Amino acid sequence: MSGELSPIDKAKFVAAKRAAQYVEDGMRVGLGTGSTAAWLVRCLGEKVREEGLRFRGVPTSSRTAELAREVGIEVISLDEAKWLDLTIDGADEFDRDLALIKGGGGALLQEKIVATASDQMVVIADAAKEVEHLGAFPLPVEVIPFGWQTTKALVEETLISMDVMGRDTTLRMNGDHPYVTDEGNYILDLHLGRIGNPRQLAMVLNQMPGVVENGLFIDICDAVVIGFGDGRVEVRDINAGTVQQERLDFVEDDNLFGDLDG
């Protein structure tokens, strides 16, 4: 089955498989949203079934919760967990300081709440997600539906004074209707090209009425596990200042790969 995976999916898989080693018995673990995080949930489900791993997962979206239950992971809410030992999630972009853009999957609010309620956040990503400067991936900003067009205009006006390359802002759509998050909000995607000062932009955006949260994750990520299409993984721990390189073997497993999306 692994031979049928594209190089990008192989990279996502080995990153997820390596990150699953962070999870230990008795932990409370935040489970991210997106295609790479879905690989992680599958890998953890296999460890639950095959190795008897026992932990409780706090999903960051309804679709992650559904997948986690499907593969046998015990799911609890963040209110039940109160605090987490670890969160593992994907990213749309990350830079050398492990600043992130997240929210391509539409779950940035829950993802940021869960990540900041954790002792440690580990990001899993394929090598293509690493960038010199954040911003090529559109920056998601979650806004309340009331007055969203006014909020959009305010965001666009504010971007004039920010260190960004572009200022186009679009409402994320789901067919003919606005995309709606799990919390019932809308998402504005900011097409910035390059963000010169992510920390400043994150602070300014969150001061605007109508803005719920933005997809810039600053000083939240502790380590990144980068997967490559040939089975290599690189683990960078920003706190320890270490970089480790390993190679993981692919194991054919129809239960793991059979019905996973992307």
Protein backbone atom coordinates (compact mmCIF):
# COMPACT_ATOMS: atom_id res chain seq x y z
CA MET A 1 0.00 0.00 0.00
CA SER A 2 2.84 2.40 0.83
CA GLY A 3 4.17 2.04 -2.69
CA GLU A 4 0.99 3.66 -3.95
CA LEU A 5 1.47 6.81 -1.90
CA SER A 6 2.67 9.97 -3.61
CA PRO A 7 5.96 11.45 -2.35
CA ILE A 8 4.03 14.20 -0.54
CA ASP A 9 1.84 11.66 1.25
CA LYS A 10 4.90 9.58 2.14
CA ALA A 11 6.44 12.71 3.66
CA LYS A 12 3.29 13.42 5.67
CA PHE A 13 3.10 9.81 6.82
CA VAL A 14 6.68 9.54 8.08
CA ALA A 15 6.37 12.88 9.89
CA ALA A 16 3.18 11.69 11.57
CA LYS A 17 4.64 8.28 12.41
CA ARG A 18 7.70 9.86 14.03
CA ALA A 19 5.61 12.40 15.96
CA ALA A 20 3.40 9.62 17.31
CA GLN A 21 6.43 8.54 19.36
CA TYR A 22 5.94 11.62 21.53
CA VAL A 23 2.68 10.21 22.90
CA GLU A 24 2.97 8.15 26.08
CA ASP A 25 0.51 6.24 28.24
CA GLY A 26 -1.72 8.45 30.36
CA MET A 27 -1.15 11.63 28.37
CA ARG A 28 -3.77 14.18 27.39
CA VAL A 29 -3.00 15.04 23.79
CA GLY A 30 -4.33 17.73 21.48
CA LEU A 31 -5.06 16.32 18.02
CA GLY A 32 -4.77 18.72 15.12
CA THR A 33 -6.81 19.19 11.97
CA GLY A 34 -5.81 18.76 8.35
CA SER A 35 -4.36 16.13 6.05
CA THR A 36 -1.07 15.67 7.91
CA ALA A 37 -2.79 15.60 11.30
CA ALA A 38 -5.15 12.94 9.92
CA TRP A 39 -2.12 10.73 9.27
CA LEU A 40 -1.13 11.26 12.91
CA VAL A 41 -4.56 10.21 14.18
CA ARG A 42 -4.35 7.07 12.06
CA CYS A 43 -0.85 6.27 13.36
CA LEU A 44 -1.97 6.79 16.96
CA GLY A 45 -5.04 4.63 16.39
CA GLU A 46 -2.77 1.85 15.20
CA LYS A 47 -0.66 2.19 18.36
CA VAL A 48 -3.83 1.98 20.45
CA ARG A 49 -4.92 -1.20 18.69
CA GLU A 50 -1.56 -2.90 18.21
CA GLU A 51 0.50 -1.73 21.18
CA GLY A 52 -2.16 -1.02 23.81
CA LEU A 53 -1.30 2.67 24.03
CA ARG A 54 -3.76 4.45 26.30
CA PHE A 55 -4.18 8.20 26.17
CA ARG A 56 -6.99 10.74 25.84
CA GLY A 57 -7.25 12.95 22.81
CA VAL A 58 -8.65 16.47 22.57
CA PRO A 59 -9.59 17.10 18.92
CA THR A 60 -9.38 20.57 17.36
CA SER A 61 -12.34 20.06 15.02
CA SER A 62 -15.44 17.95 14.58
CA ARG A 63 -13.84 16.00 11.72
CA THR A 64 -10.76 15.15 13.78
CA ALA A 65 -13.04 14.01 16.61
CA GLU A 66 -14.93 11.75 14.22
CA LEU A 67 -11.74 10.20 12.84
CA ALA A 68 -10.24 9.73 16.32
CA ARG A 69 -13.30 7.85 17.55
CA GLU A 70 -13.30 5.78 14.36
CA VAL A 71 -9.75 4.53 14.99
CA GLY A 72 -10.32 3.80 18.68
CA ILE A 73 -8.89 6.86 20.44
CA GLU A 74 -10.66 8.01 23.60
CA VAL A 75 -11.92 11.53 22.94
CA ILE A 76 -12.54 14.15 25.63
CA SER A 77 -13.16 17.89 25.56
CA LEU A 78 -10.62 20.53 26.55
CA ASP A 79 -12.84 21.44 29.48
CA GLU A 80 -12.60 17.84 30.69
CA ALA A 81 -8.84 17.72 30.17
CA LYS A 82 -8.26 21.23 31.59
CA TRP A 83 -4.60 21.13 30.51
CA LEU A 84 -2.70 19.04 27.97
CA ASP A 85 0.68 17.34 28.04
CA LEU A 86 1.16 17.69 24.30
CA THR A 87 -0.48 18.93 21.10
CA ILE A 88 0.54 17.60 17.70
CA ASP A 89 -0.74 19.45 14.65
CA GLY A 90 0.17 20.33 11.10
CA ALA A 91 0.99 23.73 9.65
CA ASP A 92 0.47 25.48 6.34
CA GLU A 93 3.83 27.24 6.67
CA PHE A 94 6.65 27.43 9.21
CA ASP A 95 9.86 29.46 9.33
CA ARG A 96 13.23 28.92 11.00
CA ASP A 97 11.93 30.38 14.27
CA LEU A 98 9.01 27.90 14.18
CA ALA A 99 6.50 30.68 13.67
CA LEU A 100 3.52 29.21 11.82
CA ILE A 101 0.62 29.97 9.56
CA LYS A 102 -2.30 27.66 10.32
CA GLY A 103 -5.97 27.60 9.45
CA GLY A 104 -6.05 26.29 5.91
CA GLY A 105 -8.42 23.63 7.18
CA GLY A 106 -10.64 26.21 8.87
CA ALA A 107 -9.98 25.18 12.48
CA LEU A 108 -7.46 27.83 13.55
CA LEU A 109 -9.41 29.01 16.61
CA GLN A 110 -9.73 25.62 18.26
CA GLU A 111 -6.19 24.76 17.15
CA LYS A 112 -4.71 27.83 18.83
CA ILE A 113 -6.74 27.38 22.03
CA VAL A 114 -5.66 23.74 22.32
CA ALA A 115 -2.01 24.43 21.43
CA THR A 116 -1.66 27.20 24.02
CA ALA A 117 -3.23 24.96 26.67
CA SER A 118 -0.41 22.43 26.24
CA ASP A 119 2.97 21.91 27.85
CA GLN A 120 4.42 21.28 24.40
CA MET A 121 3.35 21.76 20.78
CA VAL A 122 4.88 19.61 18.06
CA VAL A 123 4.23 20.44 14.42
CA ILE A 124 4.31 17.78 11.71
CA ALA A 125 4.85 18.87 8.13
CA ASP A 126 6.34 17.90 4.81
CA ALA A 127 9.49 19.73 3.77
CA ALA A 128 7.60 21.96 1.31
CA LYS A 129 5.95 23.79 4.22
CA GLU A 130 9.21 25.40 5.33
CA VAL A 131 9.62 28.99 4.12
CA GLU A 132 12.12 31.78 4.62
CA HIS A 133 9.33 34.29 5.25
CA LEU A 134 5.71 33.55 6.15
CA GLY A 135 2.96 34.82 3.87
CA ALA A 136 2.95 32.91 0.60
CA PHE A 137 0.11 30.83 2.06
CA PRO A 138 -2.98 33.00 2.61
CA LEU A 139 -3.30 34.03 6.26
CA PRO A 140 -6.70 33.00 7.68
CA VAL A 141 -8.48 35.40 10.01
CA GLU A 142 -11.63 34.16 11.76
CA VAL A 143 -14.32 36.84 12.07
CA ILE A 144 -17.85 36.90 13.43
CA PRO A 145 -20.55 36.99 10.72
CA PHE A 146 -22.12 40.19 12.04
CA GLY A 147 -20.67 43.10 10.09
CA TRP A 148 -18.06 40.93 8.41
CA GLN A 149 -17.79 43.26 5.43
CA THR A 150 -16.99 46.15 7.76
CA THR A 151 -14.39 43.99 9.51
CA LYS A 152 -12.93 43.08 6.12
CA ALA A 153 -12.65 46.76 5.18
CA LEU A 154 -10.98 47.53 8.52
CA VAL A 155 -8.47 44.72 7.99
CA GLU A 156 -7.66 45.94 4.49
CA GLU A 157 -7.16 49.50 5.73
CA THR A 158 -4.88 48.32 8.51
CA LEU A 159 -2.75 46.26 6.12
CA ILE A 160 -1.68 49.49 4.39
CA SER A 161 0.58 50.29 7.34
CA MET A 162 1.85 46.72 7.81
CA ASP A 163 5.06 45.23 6.41
CA VAL A 164 3.39 42.95 3.85
CA MET A 165 3.81 42.50 0.11
CA GLY A 166 0.12 42.19 -0.86
CA ARG A 167 -3.19 43.27 0.63
CA ASP A 168 -5.90 41.28 -1.17
CA THR A 169 -8.52 39.89 1.21
CA THR A 170 -11.19 37.35 0.30
CA LEU A 171 -14.05 35.72 2.16
CA ARG A 172 -13.57 31.95 2.24
CA MET A 173 -16.44 30.24 0.47
CA ASN A 174 -18.02 26.78 0.60
CA GLY A 175 -19.65 26.58 -2.80
CA ASP A 176 -22.07 29.50 -3.11
CA HIS A 177 -22.10 30.23 0.61
CA PRO A 178 -19.53 31.52 3.09
CA TYR A 179 -17.45 28.84 4.77
CA VAL A 180 -18.61 28.48 8.39
CA THR A 181 -16.25 27.31 11.15
CA ASP A 182 -17.19 24.92 13.96
CA GLU A 183 -17.89 28.03 16.07
CA GLY A 184 -20.24 29.49 13.45
CA ASN A 185 -17.81 32.16 12.24
CA TYR A 186 -16.47 33.22 8.82
CA ILE A 187 -12.87 33.22 7.60
CA LEU A 188 -11.12 36.00 5.72
CA ASP A 189 -8.06 34.84 3.77
CA LEU A 190 -5.35 37.51 3.54
CA HIS A 191 -3.18 37.15 0.43
CA LEU A 192 -0.08 38.90 1.72
CA GLY A 193 2.73 37.30 -0.25
CA ARG A 194 5.28 38.05 2.45
CA ILE A 195 4.88 39.03 6.10
CA GLY A 196 7.80 41.12 7.33
CA ASN A 197 6.78 41.24 11.02
CA PRO A 198 4.45 38.35 11.91
CA ARG A 199 4.38 39.19 15.63
CA GLN A 200 3.24 42.76 15.01
CA LEU A 201 0.62 41.69 12.47
CA ALA A 202 -0.82 39.06 14.82
CA MET A 203 -1.19 41.60 17.62
CA VAL A 204 -2.76 44.27 15.42
CA LEU A 205 -5.28 41.89 13.84
CA ASN A 206 -6.48 40.60 17.20
CA GLN A 207 -7.17 44.14 18.44
CA MET A 208 -9.84 44.69 15.77
CA PRO A 209 -13.53 44.42 16.71
CA GLY A 210 -15.05 41.54 14.82
CA VAL A 211 -11.82 39.55 14.59
CA VAL A 212 -11.95 36.40 16.70
CA GLU A 213 -8.46 35.03 16.02
CA ASN A 214 -5.78 34.91 13.33
CA GLY A 215 -3.72 32.05 11.92
CA LEU A 216 -0.31 33.30 13.00
CA PHE A 217 1.09 31.02 15.71
CA ILE A 218 4.00 32.88 17.35
CA ASP A 219 6.07 31.42 20.23
CA ILE A 220 3.73 28.43 20.46
CA CYS A 221 5.52 25.67 18.57
CA ASP A 222 8.33 23.85 20.44
CA ALA A 223 9.43 21.33 17.83
CA VAL A 224 8.80 20.46 14.22
CA VAL A 225 8.97 17.01 12.63
CA ILE A 226 9.67 17.38 8.92
CA GLY A 227 8.94 14.47 6.61
CA PHE A 228 10.54 13.75 3.24
CA GLY A 229 9.25 11.62 0.39
CA ASP A 230 12.13 9.12 0.69
CA GLY A 231 11.30 8.23 4.30
CA ARG A 232 13.68 10.63 6.03
CA VAL A 233 12.54 12.75 8.93
CA GLU A 234 14.18 15.73 10.59
CA VAL A 235 13.27 16.74 14.14
CA ARG A 236 14.06 20.31 15.19
CA ASP A 237 13.61 21.23 18.83
CA ILE A 238 13.82 25.01 19.23
CA ASN A 239 14.10 24.85 23.04
CA ALA A 240 16.90 22.28 23.11
CA GLY A 241 18.54 23.74 20.01
CA THR A 242 18.88 20.27 18.50
CA VAL A 243 18.37 18.86 15.01
CA GLN A 244 18.03 15.10 14.56
CA GLN A 245 17.75 13.17 11.32
CA GLU A 246 16.32 9.68 11.01
CA ARG A 247 14.89 7.36 8.40
CA LEU A 248 11.62 5.47 8.88
CA ASP A 249 10.66 2.29 7.11
CA PHE A 250 7.35 2.06 5.31
CA VAL A 251 5.11 -0.79 6.42
CA GLU A 252 2.17 -1.85 4.30
CA ASP A 253 -1.00 -1.66 6.36
CA ASP A 254 -4.39 -1.59 4.70
CA ASN A 255 -6.07 -0.56 7.96
CA LEU A 256 -3.88 2.53 8.19
CA PHE A 257 -3.92 3.63 4.58
CA GLY A 258 -7.13 2.22 3.21
CA ASP A 259 -9.63 5.03 3.60
CA LEU A 260 -7.56 8.05 4.57
CA ASP A 261 -8.12 11.22 2.61
CA GLY A 262 -4.93 12.85 1.28
